[in-house]
Amino acid sequence: METKVKRIYPGKQIKDIKFYKVEDLEAILGLKKRTIRKYLRTGRIPGAIKLGRRYFVSTKNFDRYIGKK
């Protein structure tokens, strides 16, 4: 019996948590995708989730990065 994996789409909420993709962060921060991926890989932007080749960041973790509470 196969179980389906729930996919995360831009702006989609799973259990009341919204996730950003690298493209969303690119538009918000004004940085290149390569730089954002480096920040996610090194932990400079905290709490990144990697699914396959894609990175996702919850709004809570992104707010922590930019200094909001």
N, C-alpha and C. Protein backbone atom coordinates (compact mmCIF):
# COMPACT_ATOMS: atom_id res chain seq x y z
N MET A 1 0.84 -1.18 0.00
CA MET A 1 0.00 0.00 0.00
C MET A 1 0.88 1.24 0.00
N GLU A 2 0.68 2.10 -0.98
CA GLU A 2 1.47 3.31 -1.09
C GLU A 2 0.81 4.43 -0.29
N THR A 3 1.65 5.25 0.34
CA THR A 3 1.13 6.43 1.02
C THR A 3 1.49 7.65 0.19
N LYS A 4 0.57 8.54 0.07
CA LYS A 4 0.83 9.75 -0.71
C LYS A 4 1.55 10.77 0.14
N VAL A 5 2.51 11.43 -0.46
CA VAL A 5 3.25 12.48 0.22
C VAL A 5 2.55 13.79 -0.05
N LYS A 6 2.29 14.54 0.99
CA LYS A 6 1.64 15.84 0.83
C LYS A 6 2.65 16.83 0.29
N ARG A 7 2.33 17.44 -0.80
CA ARG A 7 3.25 18.40 -1.42
C ARG A 7 3.01 19.80 -0.89
N ILE A 8 4.07 20.56 -0.83
CA ILE A 8 3.98 21.94 -0.37
C ILE A 8 4.05 22.84 -1.60
N TYR A 9 3.07 23.68 -1.77
CA TYR A 9 3.03 24.62 -2.88
C TYR A 9 3.18 26.03 -2.35
N PRO A 10 3.62 26.97 -3.20
CA PRO A 10 3.83 28.34 -2.71
C PRO A 10 2.56 28.93 -2.11
N GLY A 11 2.72 29.50 -0.96
CA GLY A 11 1.60 30.11 -0.29
C GLY A 11 0.65 29.11 0.34
N LYS A 12 0.95 27.85 0.26
CA LYS A 12 0.08 26.80 0.79
C LYS A 12 0.29 26.66 2.29
N GLN A 13 -0.74 26.31 2.99
CA GLN A 13 -0.64 26.12 4.43
C GLN A 13 -0.85 24.66 4.76
N ILE A 14 0.01 24.16 5.63
CA ILE A 14 -0.13 22.82 6.15
C ILE A 14 -0.15 22.94 7.66
N LYS A 15 -1.24 22.49 8.26
CA LYS A 15 -1.42 22.61 9.71
C LYS A 15 -1.18 24.05 10.18
N ASP A 16 -1.79 25.00 9.48
CA ASP A 16 -1.73 26.42 9.82
C ASP A 16 -0.33 27.02 9.73
N ILE A 17 0.57 26.39 9.00
CA ILE A 17 1.91 26.93 8.81
C ILE A 17 2.08 27.23 7.32
N LYS A 18 2.42 28.47 6.99
CA LYS A 18 2.65 28.85 5.60
C LYS A 18 4.14 28.71 5.29
N PHE A 19 4.44 28.23 4.10
CA PHE A 19 5.83 28.04 3.68
C PHE A 19 6.17 28.92 2.49
N TYR A 20 7.42 29.40 2.47
CA TYR A 20 7.95 30.15 1.34
C TYR A 20 8.91 29.27 0.55
N LYS A 21 8.90 29.41 -0.78
CA LYS A 21 9.88 28.76 -1.63
C LYS A 21 11.02 29.75 -1.86
N VAL A 22 12.09 29.28 -2.49
CA VAL A 22 13.24 30.14 -2.78
C VAL A 22 12.80 31.32 -3.66
N GLU A 23 11.90 31.06 -4.60
CA GLU A 23 11.42 32.13 -5.48
C GLU A 23 10.69 33.22 -4.70
N ASP A 24 9.93 32.82 -3.69
CA ASP A 24 9.22 33.79 -2.85
C ASP A 24 10.22 34.64 -2.07
N LEU A 25 11.24 33.98 -1.51
CA LEU A 25 12.26 34.71 -0.74
C LEU A 25 13.06 35.64 -1.64
N GLU A 26 13.28 35.23 -2.89
CA GLU A 26 13.98 36.07 -3.85
C GLU A 26 13.23 37.39 -4.06
N ALA A 27 11.92 37.31 -4.21
CA ALA A 27 11.11 38.51 -4.41
C ALA A 27 11.06 39.38 -3.16
N ILE A 28 11.00 38.75 -1.99
CA ILE A 28 10.89 39.50 -0.74
C ILE A 28 12.21 40.16 -0.37
N LEU A 29 13.31 39.42 -0.47
CA LEU A 29 14.61 39.91 -0.01
C LEU A 29 15.41 40.67 -1.07
N GLY A 30 15.08 40.44 -2.33
CA GLY A 30 15.82 41.10 -3.40
C GLY A 30 17.21 40.50 -3.61
N LEU A 31 17.39 39.25 -3.23
CA LEU A 31 18.66 38.55 -3.41
C LEU A 31 18.51 37.53 -4.54
N LYS A 32 19.65 37.07 -5.06
CA LYS A 32 19.60 36.05 -6.10
C LYS A 32 19.30 34.69 -5.49
N LYS A 33 18.73 33.81 -6.31
CA LYS A 33 18.38 32.46 -5.84
C LYS A 33 19.60 31.73 -5.30
N ARG A 34 20.71 31.89 -5.96
CA ARG A 34 21.95 31.22 -5.54
C ARG A 34 22.35 31.64 -4.12
N THR A 35 22.25 32.93 -3.84
CA THR A 35 22.59 33.45 -2.51
C THR A 35 21.62 32.91 -1.46
N ILE A 36 20.34 32.89 -1.78
CA ILE A 36 19.34 32.39 -0.84
C ILE A 36 19.57 30.91 -0.54
N ARG A 37 19.85 30.13 -1.58
CA ARG A 37 20.14 28.70 -1.36
C ARG A 37 21.37 28.51 -0.48
N LYS A 38 22.37 29.36 -0.66
CA LYS A 38 23.58 29.30 0.17
C LYS A 38 23.22 29.60 1.63
N TYR A 39 22.41 30.63 1.85
CA TYR A 39 21.98 30.98 3.20
C TYR A 39 21.20 29.84 3.84
N LEU A 40 20.34 29.18 3.06
CA LEU A 40 19.55 28.07 3.58
C LEU A 40 20.43 26.86 3.90
N ARG A 41 21.38 26.59 3.02
CA ARG A 41 22.27 25.44 3.19
C ARG A 41 23.18 25.61 4.41
N THR A 42 23.67 26.83 4.64
CA THR A 42 24.60 27.09 5.74
C THR A 42 23.90 27.40 7.06
N GLY A 43 22.58 27.59 7.02
CA GLY A 43 21.84 27.87 8.25
C GLY A 43 21.71 29.33 8.59
N ARG A 44 22.16 30.21 7.71
CA ARG A 44 22.02 31.65 7.96
C ARG A 44 20.53 32.05 8.04
N ILE A 45 19.71 31.43 7.20
CA ILE A 45 18.27 31.52 7.34
C ILE A 45 17.86 30.24 8.04
N PRO A 46 17.36 30.34 9.27
CA PRO A 46 17.12 29.14 10.09
C PRO A 46 15.89 28.34 9.68
N GLY A 47 15.94 27.06 9.99
CA GLY A 47 14.76 26.21 9.86
C GLY A 47 14.36 25.82 8.47
N ALA A 48 15.31 25.79 7.54
CA ALA A 48 14.98 25.40 6.17
C ALA A 48 14.66 23.91 6.10
N ILE A 49 13.69 23.58 5.28
CA ILE A 49 13.32 22.19 5.03
C ILE A 49 13.65 21.91 3.58
N LYS A 50 14.39 20.84 3.34
CA LYS A 50 14.72 20.47 1.97
C LYS A 50 13.94 19.23 1.59
N LEU A 51 13.15 19.35 0.53
CA LEU A 51 12.38 18.24 -0.01
C LEU A 51 12.84 18.03 -1.44
N GLY A 52 13.58 16.97 -1.66
CA GLY A 52 14.15 16.75 -2.99
C GLY A 52 15.19 17.81 -3.26
N ARG A 53 14.97 18.57 -4.32
CA ARG A 53 15.89 19.66 -4.67
C ARG A 53 15.42 21.01 -4.14
N ARG A 54 14.23 21.07 -3.60
CA ARG A 54 13.64 22.35 -3.21
C ARG A 54 13.79 22.63 -1.72
N TYR A 55 13.95 23.91 -1.41
CA TYR A 55 13.99 24.37 -0.02
C TYR A 55 12.69 25.09 0.29
N PHE A 56 12.25 24.96 1.54
CA PHE A 56 11.08 25.67 2.04
C PHE A 56 11.40 26.23 3.40
N VAL A 57 10.84 27.41 3.70
CA VAL A 57 11.04 28.05 4.99
C VAL A 57 9.67 28.48 5.50
N SER A 58 9.37 28.15 6.75
CA SER A 58 8.09 28.55 7.32
C SER A 58 8.12 30.05 7.61
N THR A 59 6.94 30.64 7.68
CA THR A 59 6.86 32.07 7.98
C THR A 59 7.47 32.38 9.34
N LYS A 60 7.29 31.47 10.29
CA LYS A 60 7.85 31.68 11.63
C LYS A 60 9.37 31.77 11.58
N ASN A 61 10.01 30.86 10.86
CA ASN A 61 11.46 30.88 10.75
C ASN A 61 11.95 32.07 9.95
N PHE A 62 11.21 32.45 8.91
CA PHE A 62 11.59 33.61 8.12
C PHE A 62 11.49 34.88 8.95
N ASP A 63 10.42 35.01 9.74
CA ASP A 63 10.27 36.17 10.61
C ASP A 63 11.41 36.25 11.61
N ARG A 64 11.85 35.10 12.10
CA ARG A 64 12.98 35.06 13.03
C ARG A 64 14.24 35.59 12.34
N TYR A 65 14.41 35.23 11.06
CA TYR A 65 15.58 35.69 10.29
C TYR A 65 15.57 37.20 10.11
N ILE A 66 14.42 37.77 9.77
CA ILE A 66 14.38 39.21 9.53
C ILE A 66 14.20 40.04 10.80
N GLY A 67 14.03 39.37 11.94
CA GLY A 67 14.00 40.08 13.21
C GLY A 67 12.63 40.39 13.76
N LYS A 68 11.57 39.86 13.17
CA LYS A 68 10.23 40.06 13.71
C LYS A 68 9.95 39.02 14.78
N LYS A 69 8.98 39.30 15.62
CA LYS A 69 8.60 38.31 16.64
C LYS A 69 7.21 37.83 16.41
